[in-house]
Amino acid sequence: MDNQTWIIEAPMTNITGENQTLPEMPQQTLELQVVTIFFVLLICGVGIGGNIMVVLVVLRSRHMMTPTNCYLVSLAIADLIVLLAAGLPNISEVVASWVYGYVGCLCITYLQYLGINISACSITAFTVERYIAICHSIKAQFICTVSRAKKIIAFVWMFTSVYCVMWFFLVDTKEVKFSDGVQVSCGYRVSRNLYMPIYFLDFTVFYVIPLVLATVLYGLIARILFMNPLPTAPQDPDRMSSKHQGKPYNSIKLSCRGNKGTISSRKQVTKMLAVVVILFALLWMPYRTLVVVNSFMDPPYLNIWFVLFCRMCIYLNSAINPIIYNLMSQKFRAAFQKLCKCEQKRTEKEAKYNIPVYYSAMKESSHESPDHDLTVQEDLNGFPGPAFKVNFPEKCIETRTTYSMA
């Protein structure tokens, strides 16, 4: 456990590169292997499926394409990278040594830090966007736009991609010879003293600053949304202000209700995003605390079960966000349900109709209704057939249906 693939494995350790010959290769306990594989498969399976759904519902639904949701797509893609680059390789590693080679060591470590850092930047971005949208609503009309959000996301990804390039030069593989084989591990090649400044820079920029900024901004947002009285429908038309004079009472009442609904929607979105930030802080805290403590301890504290707990917290942080969206956002919940129904209907249609089938339906009635004129002859697989215009009245006296194979 001293030098394995990820930062979670051995904080503040480095590879010496010395050839060692030991009597027997150490093996993980069966309990650790079973628990690790079970939770990694469960968390990564849920997280990968959920984050893919987030990306699909936002990109495929025009009404879901908002600045905030653009940042949530960026966060979902970053979480996918973390789950794929950190979670899944852990399954093979717990039952064997490092099997991805030198190139895999470099690329997987790079992708891990890329996903982690972009997650923090995406959270910071949608926090600032919410602050501007709520506390400076006039400026938000020009600042908080989808096009600007896409530009910010592109800049975040380019900056973080360049920033994380340094990890290509900080990790390496190590081989340790045993009497029954060779164990390969992936870890840091630099000394502990050189790594500490890099880690604390990473810790400050991508954890401390986002959380401090989020605490301040969400405090200001809460003061606007939850401490100011909500506008209510006026009780007496005679008390209307001069700007409402000449307007019908019902229209003013509806306007007030619309404003109240808007504020309620903003509260819902803000609560959801605040929960995402809080979970980010709590689930990353065990690992961050472990590394800070180990930076002042020699030898470092590396209890195998606590290290596993730190890992699972980070994987859970990357997997839980879609569940939060589904529980706290009506729009996301409806979009998820619609996506699942569409995929289910598409699968059923492809399974049921595997050849072109044309059908025609004729309904006769003594009561004709122009609202029910429909053309019903078509190819169920998408190929148009000869069209017949038929009437579908509310009351059908006689129905006659004929089928013909193309």
Protein backbone atom coordinates (compact mmCIF):
# COMPACT_ATOMS: atom_id res chain seq x y z
CA MET A 1 0.00 0.00 0.00
CA ASP A 2 2.95 2.35 0.15
CA ASN A 3 3.14 3.22 -3.52
CA GLN A 4 0.11 2.56 -5.63
CA THR A 5 -1.76 4.30 -8.31
CA TRP A 6 -3.46 7.28 -6.75
CA ILE A 7 -2.97 10.02 -4.23
CA ILE A 8 -5.51 8.24 -2.06
CA GLU A 9 -3.22 5.28 -1.74
CA ALA A 10 -0.17 6.81 -0.17
CA PRO A 11 -0.19 10.52 0.54
CA MET A 12 3.22 12.11 0.71
CA THR A 13 5.21 9.01 -0.37
CA ASN A 14 7.64 8.71 -3.24
CA ILE A 15 9.33 6.07 -5.37
CA THR A 16 12.97 5.39 -4.71
CA GLY A 17 13.63 3.26 -7.76
CA GLU A 18 15.78 0.84 -5.79
CA ASN A 19 15.69 -2.84 -6.67
CA GLN A 20 14.39 -4.84 -3.75
CA THR A 21 14.16 -8.59 -3.34
CA LEU A 22 11.71 -9.70 -0.70
CA PRO A 23 10.67 -13.22 0.31
CA GLU A 24 6.98 -13.23 -0.64
CA MET A 25 4.59 -10.86 -2.43
CA PRO A 26 2.03 -9.35 -0.02
CA GLN A 27 -1.63 -9.98 -0.76
CA GLN A 28 -4.68 -7.96 0.24
CA THR A 29 -7.09 -9.64 2.60
CA LEU A 30 -10.21 -11.23 1.14
CA GLU A 31 -12.45 -8.90 3.17
CA LEU A 32 -10.74 -5.82 1.74
CA GLN A 33 -11.02 -7.15 -1.81
CA VAL A 34 -14.74 -7.96 -1.50
CA VAL A 35 -15.65 -4.65 0.17
CA THR A 36 -13.59 -2.61 -2.29
CA ILE A 37 -14.93 -4.30 -5.41
CA PHE A 38 -18.55 -4.15 -4.19
CA PHE A 39 -18.56 -0.45 -3.31
CA VAL A 40 -16.48 0.62 -6.31
CA LEU A 41 -18.82 -1.17 -8.73
CA LEU A 42 -21.90 0.17 -6.96
CA ILE A 43 -20.77 3.79 -6.69
CA CYS A 44 -19.11 3.96 -10.11
CA GLY A 45 -22.03 2.24 -11.82
CA VAL A 46 -24.57 4.66 -10.35
CA GLY A 47 -22.30 7.65 -10.89
CA ILE A 48 -21.41 6.91 -14.50
CA GLY A 49 -25.04 6.29 -15.45
CA GLY A 50 -26.30 9.34 -13.59
CA ASN A 51 -23.71 11.76 -14.97
CA ILE A 52 -24.32 10.54 -18.51
CA MET A 53 -28.02 11.23 -18.02
CA VAL A 54 -27.24 14.77 -16.81
CA VAL A 55 -25.24 15.47 -19.95
CA LEU A 56 -27.94 14.01 -22.23
CA VAL A 57 -30.94 15.81 -20.73
CA VAL A 58 -29.21 19.19 -20.87
CA LEU A 59 -27.82 18.82 -24.38
CA ARG A 60 -31.01 17.34 -25.84
CA SER A 61 -33.54 19.68 -24.23
CA ARG A 62 -33.56 23.29 -25.30
CA HIS A 63 -35.39 24.47 -22.19
CA MET A 64 -32.67 22.83 -20.03
CA MET A 65 -29.89 24.76 -21.75
CA THR A 66 -29.27 27.45 -19.11
CA PRO A 67 -25.98 28.94 -17.86
CA THR A 68 -26.23 27.06 -14.56
CA ASN A 69 -26.94 23.76 -16.32
CA CYS A 70 -23.96 24.31 -18.62
CA TYR A 71 -21.73 24.38 -15.54
CA LEU A 72 -23.49 21.27 -14.23
CA VAL A 73 -22.66 19.50 -17.53
CA SER A 74 -19.01 20.47 -17.06
CA LEU A 75 -19.17 19.12 -13.50
CA ALA A 76 -20.79 15.89 -14.71
CA ILE A 77 -18.08 15.30 -17.33
CA ALA A 78 -15.37 15.97 -14.74
CA ASP A 79 -17.02 13.51 -12.36
CA LEU A 80 -17.15 10.93 -15.14
CA ILE A 81 -13.40 11.34 -15.62
CA VAL A 82 -12.79 10.82 -11.89
CA LEU A 83 -14.95 7.69 -11.76
CA LEU A 84 -13.39 6.20 -14.90
CA ALA A 85 -9.78 7.12 -14.15
CA ALA A 86 -9.74 6.61 -10.38
CA GLY A 87 -12.59 4.29 -9.48
CA LEU A 88 -12.53 1.52 -12.08
CA PRO A 89 -8.72 1.00 -12.11
CA ASN A 90 -8.95 0.40 -8.39
CA ILE A 91 -10.81 -2.86 -9.02
CA SER A 92 -7.91 -4.50 -10.86
CA GLU A 93 -5.38 -3.03 -8.50
CA VAL A 94 -6.91 -4.42 -5.32
CA VAL A 95 -6.56 -8.00 -6.58
CA ALA A 96 -3.21 -7.57 -8.37
CA SER A 97 -0.38 -5.11 -8.90
CA TRP A 98 -0.37 -2.19 -11.34
CA VAL A 99 -1.32 -3.61 -14.75
CA TYR A 100 -1.57 -0.44 -16.88
CA GLY A 101 2.14 0.13 -17.45
CA TYR A 102 4.17 3.33 -17.48
CA VAL A 103 1.95 5.17 -19.98
CA GLY A 104 -1.13 4.18 -18.03
CA CYS A 105 0.45 5.50 -14.84
CA LEU A 106 1.04 8.91 -16.42
CA CYS A 107 -2.31 9.22 -18.20
CA ILE A 108 -4.50 7.93 -15.39
CA THR A 109 -2.84 10.17 -12.82
CA TYR A 110 -3.22 13.15 -15.15
CA LEU A 111 -6.91 12.41 -15.74
CA GLN A 112 -7.55 11.99 -12.02
CA TYR A 113 -6.22 15.43 -11.17
CA LEU A 114 -7.87 16.92 -14.27
CA GLY A 115 -11.29 15.66 -13.21
CA ILE A 116 -10.82 16.70 -9.57
CA ASN A 117 -9.65 20.23 -10.39
CA ILE A 118 -12.31 20.86 -13.04
CA SER A 119 -14.96 19.73 -10.57
CA ALA A 120 -13.80 22.40 -8.13
CA CYS A 121 -13.69 25.05 -10.88
CA SER A 122 -17.18 24.14 -12.12
CA ILE A 123 -18.58 24.44 -8.60
CA THR A 124 -16.94 27.84 -8.24
CA ALA A 125 -18.31 28.94 -11.62
CA PHE A 126 -21.95 28.10 -10.93
CA THR A 127 -21.66 29.64 -7.44
CA VAL A 128 -20.54 32.96 -8.93
CA GLU A 129 -23.21 32.69 -11.62
CA ARG A 130 -25.95 32.18 -9.01
CA TYR A 131 -24.68 35.14 -7.01
CA ILE A 132 -24.79 37.45 -10.03
CA ALA A 133 -28.18 36.14 -11.18
CA ILE A 134 -29.82 36.71 -7.79
CA CYS A 135 -27.98 39.62 -6.23
CA HIS A 136 -27.38 41.60 -9.44
CA SER A 137 -30.32 40.60 -11.59
CA ILE A 138 -30.01 43.56 -13.99
CA LYS A 139 -26.38 42.81 -14.79
CA ALA A 140 -27.20 39.11 -15.03
CA GLN A 141 -29.23 39.72 -18.19
CA PHE A 142 -25.99 40.60 -19.98
CA ILE A 143 -23.46 38.56 -17.99
CA CYS A 144 -25.21 35.27 -17.22
CA THR A 145 -25.78 33.96 -20.73
CA VAL A 146 -25.32 30.52 -22.23
CA SER A 147 -22.69 31.73 -24.70
CA ARG A 148 -20.64 33.34 -21.93
CA ALA A 149 -20.99 30.20 -19.80
CA LYS A 150 -19.63 28.08 -22.66
CA LYS A 151 -16.65 30.42 -23.04
CA ILE A 152 -15.91 30.25 -19.32
CA ILE A 153 -16.15 26.46 -19.35
CA ALA A 154 -13.79 26.27 -22.34
CA PHE A 155 -11.28 28.49 -20.54
CA VAL A 156 -11.53 26.41 -17.34
CA TRP A 157 -10.86 23.19 -19.23
CA MET A 158 -7.92 24.65 -21.17
CA PHE A 159 -6.35 26.22 -18.07
CA THR A 160 -6.76 23.09 -15.95
CA SER A 161 -5.51 20.84 -18.74
CA VAL A 162 -2.30 22.86 -18.95
CA TYR A 163 -1.98 23.12 -15.16
CA CYS A 164 -2.21 19.33 -14.74
CA VAL A 165 0.55 18.63 -17.29
CA MET A 166 3.07 18.75 -14.43
CA TRP A 167 1.79 15.38 -13.21
CA PHE A 168 3.36 13.73 -16.25
CA PHE A 169 6.72 14.56 -14.65
CA LEU A 170 5.85 13.76 -11.04
CA VAL A 171 4.82 10.08 -11.24
CA ASP A 172 6.52 6.89 -12.30
CA THR A 173 6.22 3.13 -11.96
CA LYS A 174 8.26 1.03 -9.56
CA GLU A 175 9.04 -2.67 -9.63
CA VAL A 176 9.67 -4.63 -6.44
CA LYS A 177 11.01 -8.16 -6.79
CA PHE A 178 9.69 -10.93 -4.61
CA SER A 179 10.52 -14.57 -4.47
CA ASP A 180 7.20 -15.43 -6.12
CA GLY A 181 7.03 -12.61 -8.67
CA VAL A 182 7.37 -8.88 -9.35
CA GLN A 183 4.99 -6.26 -7.97
CA VAL A 184 4.53 -3.09 -10.02
CA SER A 185 3.16 0.10 -8.48
CA CYS A 186 2.48 3.65 -9.67
CA GLY A 187 3.46 6.53 -7.40
CA TYR A 188 5.39 9.75 -7.01
CA ARG A 189 8.94 9.98 -8.30
CA VAL A 190 9.81 13.25 -6.54
CA SER A 191 10.89 13.52 -2.95
CA ARG A 192 8.50 14.43 -0.18
CA ASN A 193 9.95 17.93 0.27
CA LEU A 194 9.40 18.76 -3.40
CA TYR A 195 5.88 17.41 -3.45
CA MET A 196 4.61 19.30 -0.39
CA PRO A 197 4.56 22.77 -2.04
CA ILE A 198 2.80 21.34 -5.09
CA TYR A 199 0.19 19.65 -2.94
CA PHE A 200 -0.51 22.71 -0.80
CA LEU A 201 -0.85 24.85 -3.94
CA ASP A 202 -3.36 22.33 -5.26
CA PHE A 203 -5.10 22.18 -1.89
CA THR A 204 -5.42 25.97 -1.66
CA VAL A 205 -6.48 26.71 -5.25
CA PHE A 206 -8.92 23.83 -5.76
CA TYR A 207 -10.34 23.30 -2.28
CA VAL A 208 -9.87 26.14 0.19
CA ILE A 209 -10.54 29.08 -2.16
CA PRO A 210 -13.68 27.53 -3.74
CA LEU A 211 -15.14 26.75 -0.31
CA VAL A 212 -14.37 30.17 1.16
CA LEU A 213 -15.82 31.87 -1.91
CA ALA A 214 -18.90 29.64 -1.85
CA THR A 215 -19.47 30.34 1.86
CA VAL A 216 -19.37 34.10 1.32
CA LEU A 217 -21.49 34.14 -1.84
CA TYR A 218 -24.16 31.75 -0.59
CA GLY A 219 -24.40 33.86 2.56
CA LEU A 220 -25.13 36.92 0.43
CA ILE A 221 -27.60 34.93 -1.69
CA ALA A 222 -29.42 33.70 1.43
CA ARG A 223 -29.75 37.26 2.69
CA ILE A 224 -31.52 38.25 -0.53
CA LEU A 225 -33.72 35.17 -0.95
CA PHE A 226 -34.63 34.15 2.57
CA MET A 227 -34.43 37.30 4.69
CA ASN A 228 -36.26 39.76 2.45
CA PRO A 229 -40.07 39.57 2.49
CA LEU A 230 -41.62 37.99 -0.58
CA PRO A 231 -43.95 40.12 -2.68
CA THR A 232 -47.60 39.22 -2.12
CA ALA A 233 -50.74 39.80 -4.09
CA PRO A 234 -52.29 43.19 -3.27
CA GLN A 235 -55.42 43.13 -1.16
CA ASP A 236 -56.82 46.54 -2.12
CA PRO A 237 -56.67 47.97 -5.64
CA ASP A 238 -56.80 51.47 -4.21
CA ARG A 239 -53.41 50.94 -2.60
CA MET A 240 -51.62 50.32 -5.85
CA SER A 241 -48.55 52.40 -6.49
CA SER A 242 -48.60 54.93 -9.27
CA LYS A 243 -46.71 52.62 -11.64
CA HIS A 244 -49.63 50.16 -11.56
CA GLN A 245 -52.34 52.71 -12.20
CA GLY A 246 -54.49 51.91 -15.21
CA LYS A 247 -53.69 48.15 -15.06
CA PRO A 248 -56.43 45.61 -14.27
CA TYR A 249 -56.35 44.21 -10.75
CA ASN A 250 -56.22 40.62 -12.01
CA SER A 251 -53.14 41.28 -14.14
CA ILE A 252 -51.34 42.85 -11.17
CA LYS A 253 -52.30 39.89 -9.01
CA LEU A 254 -51.00 37.44 -11.61
CA SER A 255 -47.79 39.45 -11.91
CA CYS A 256 -47.22 39.24 -8.18
CA ARG A 257 -47.87 35.52 -8.25
CA GLY A 258 -45.39 35.17 -11.12
CA ASN A 259 -42.75 37.05 -9.15
CA LYS A 260 -43.39 34.84 -6.14
CA GLY A 261 -43.08 31.74 -8.33
CA THR A 262 -39.80 33.01 -9.75
CA ILE A 263 -38.37 33.59 -6.29
CA SER A 264 -39.55 30.14 -5.20
CA SER A 265 -37.83 28.58 -8.23
CA ARG A 266 -34.63 30.46 -7.47
CA LYS A 267 -34.75 29.23 -3.89
CA GLN A 268 -35.10 25.67 -5.08
CA VAL A 269 -32.14 25.93 -7.46
CA THR A 270 -29.99 27.70 -4.86
CA LYS A 271 -30.73 25.04 -2.22
CA MET A 272 -29.80 22.30 -4.67
CA LEU A 273 -26.49 23.92 -5.61
CA ALA A 274 -25.70 24.67 -1.97
CA VAL A 275 -26.16 20.98 -1.16
CA VAL A 276 -23.73 20.10 -3.96
CA VAL A 277 -21.14 22.47 -2.48
CA ILE A 278 -21.65 21.15 1.07
CA LEU A 279 -21.25 17.54 -0.08
CA PHE A 280 -18.12 18.51 -2.00
CA ALA A 281 -16.64 19.96 1.20
CA LEU A 282 -17.65 17.06 3.46
CA LEU A 283 -16.75 14.18 1.15
CA TRP A 284 -13.33 15.60 0.29
CA MET A 285 -12.53 16.46 3.92
CA PRO A 286 -11.31 12.97 5.04
CA TYR A 287 -8.70 12.76 2.31
CA ARG A 288 -7.62 16.39 2.63
CA THR A 289 -7.28 15.97 6.39
CA LEU A 290 -5.30 12.75 5.96
CA VAL A 291 -2.77 14.38 3.64
CA VAL A 292 -2.37 17.47 5.84
CA VAL A 293 -1.77 15.27 8.89
CA ASN A 294 0.64 12.98 7.03
CA SER A 295 2.65 15.97 5.81
CA PHE A 296 3.77 16.44 9.44
CA MET A 297 4.02 12.77 10.43
CA ASP A 298 6.86 10.36 9.85
CA PRO A 299 5.94 7.62 9.11
CA PRO A 300 2.56 8.66 7.64
CA TYR A 301 -0.71 7.26 8.91
CA LEU A 302 -1.95 4.76 6.30
CA ASN A 303 -4.55 2.57 7.98
CA ILE A 304 -5.86 0.41 5.16
CA TRP A 305 -9.55 0.75 6.08
CA PHE A 306 -9.36 4.50 6.61
CA VAL A 307 -7.63 4.90 3.24
CA LEU A 308 -10.44 2.86 1.68
CA PHE A 309 -12.98 5.12 3.40
CA CYS A 310 -11.27 8.20 1.94
CA ARG A 311 -11.41 6.66 -1.52
CA MET A 312 -15.09 5.81 -1.29
CA CYS A 313 -15.91 9.35 -0.14
CA ILE A 314 -14.26 10.81 -3.23
CA TYR A 315 -15.98 8.36 -5.56
CA LEU A 316 -19.29 9.12 -3.84
CA ASN A 317 -18.74 12.85 -4.34
CA SER A 318 -18.48 12.24 -8.09
CA ALA A 319 -21.53 9.97 -8.17
CA ILE A 320 -24.06 11.63 -5.90
CA ASN A 321 -24.75 14.88 -7.77
CA PRO A 322 -27.27 13.42 -10.28
CA ILE A 323 -29.20 11.96 -7.35
CA ILE A 324 -29.32 15.41 -5.73
CA TYR A 325 -30.62 16.93 -8.97
CA ASN A 326 -33.34 14.31 -9.20
CA LEU A 327 -34.44 14.81 -5.59
CA MET A 328 -34.34 18.60 -5.45
CA SER A 329 -35.08 19.81 -8.98
CA GLN A 330 -38.47 19.27 -10.61
CA LYS A 331 -37.07 20.12 -14.04
CA PHE A 332 -34.27 17.57 -13.81
CA ARG A 333 -36.62 14.95 -12.41
CA ALA A 334 -39.07 15.45 -15.29
CA ALA A 335 -36.21 15.47 -17.82
CA PHE A 336 -34.78 12.22 -16.40
CA GLN A 337 -38.19 10.56 -16.55
CA LYS A 338 -38.75 11.75 -20.11
CA LEU A 339 -35.32 10.46 -21.16
CA CYS A 340 -36.00 7.04 -19.64
CA LYS A 341 -39.44 6.82 -21.27
CA CYS A 342 -38.07 7.83 -24.67
CA GLU A 343 -35.35 5.22 -24.52
CA GLN A 344 -37.84 2.58 -23.38
CA LYS A 345 -40.30 3.41 -26.17
CA ARG A 346 -37.52 3.42 -28.74
CA THR A 347 -36.36 -0.01 -27.61
CA GLU A 348 -39.88 -1.42 -27.66
CA LYS A 349 -40.55 0.01 -31.12
CA GLU A 350 -37.36 -1.43 -32.58
CA ALA A 351 -38.11 -4.82 -31.08
CA LYS A 352 -41.74 -4.94 -32.14
CA TYR A 353 -41.54 -3.57 -35.67
CA ASN A 354 -38.65 -5.07 -37.55
CA ILE A 355 -40.20 -4.82 -41.05
CA PRO A 356 -41.99 -1.97 -42.81
CA VAL A 357 -45.71 -2.22 -42.10
CA TYR A 358 -48.35 0.01 -43.61
CA TYR A 359 -51.76 0.33 -42.14
CA SER A 360 -54.89 2.25 -42.87
CA ALA A 361 -57.78 2.99 -40.58
CA MET A 362 -61.20 4.19 -41.59
CA LYS A 363 -63.82 5.46 -39.16
CA GLU A 364 -67.25 6.53 -40.29
CA SER A 365 -69.68 8.58 -38.28
CA SER A 366 -72.75 10.69 -38.78
CA HIS A 367 -71.16 13.41 -36.61
CA GLU A 368 -68.08 14.89 -38.25
CA SER A 369 -65.64 17.04 -36.32
CA PRO A 370 -62.99 19.08 -38.12
CA ASP A 371 -60.77 18.91 -35.05
CA HIS A 372 -60.21 15.20 -35.55
CA ASP A 373 -59.02 15.15 -39.17
CA LEU A 374 -55.84 13.09 -39.14
CA THR A 375 -53.79 11.21 -41.68
CA VAL A 376 -53.16 7.81 -40.19
CA GLN A 377 -51.52 5.76 -42.92
CA GLU A 378 -47.80 5.69 -42.45
CA ASP A 379 -44.84 3.39 -42.23
CA LEU A 380 -44.23 2.44 -38.63
CA ASN A 381 -40.53 2.29 -39.29
CA GLY A 382 -40.42 5.81 -40.67
CA PHE A 383 -41.21 5.23 -44.36
CA PRO A 384 -44.13 7.27 -45.69
CA GLY A 385 -46.94 5.44 -47.43
CA PRO A 386 -49.94 6.61 -49.43
CA ALA A 387 -51.97 8.90 -47.22
CA PHE A 388 -55.66 8.78 -46.64
CA LYS A 389 -57.41 11.50 -44.77
CA VAL A 390 -59.79 10.07 -42.22
CA ASN A 391 -62.13 11.55 -39.66
CA PHE A 392 -61.91 10.58 -36.02
CA PRO A 393 -65.13 11.80 -34.41
CA GLU A 394 -65.76 11.70 -30.72
CA LYS A 395 -68.43 8.98 -31.22
CA CYS A 396 -67.66 6.16 -33.59
CA ILE A 397 -70.59 4.26 -35.00
CA GLU A 398 -68.63 1.79 -37.05
CA THR A 399 -64.93 1.05 -37.27
CA ARG A 400 -63.21 -0.87 -40.00
CA THR A 401 -59.44 -1.46 -40.02
CA THR A 402 -57.42 -3.13 -42.74
CA TYR A 403 -53.76 -4.09 -42.72
CA SER A 404 -51.45 -4.68 -45.63
CA MET A 405 -47.85 -5.77 -45.73
CA ALA A 406 -45.42 -3.69 -47.79
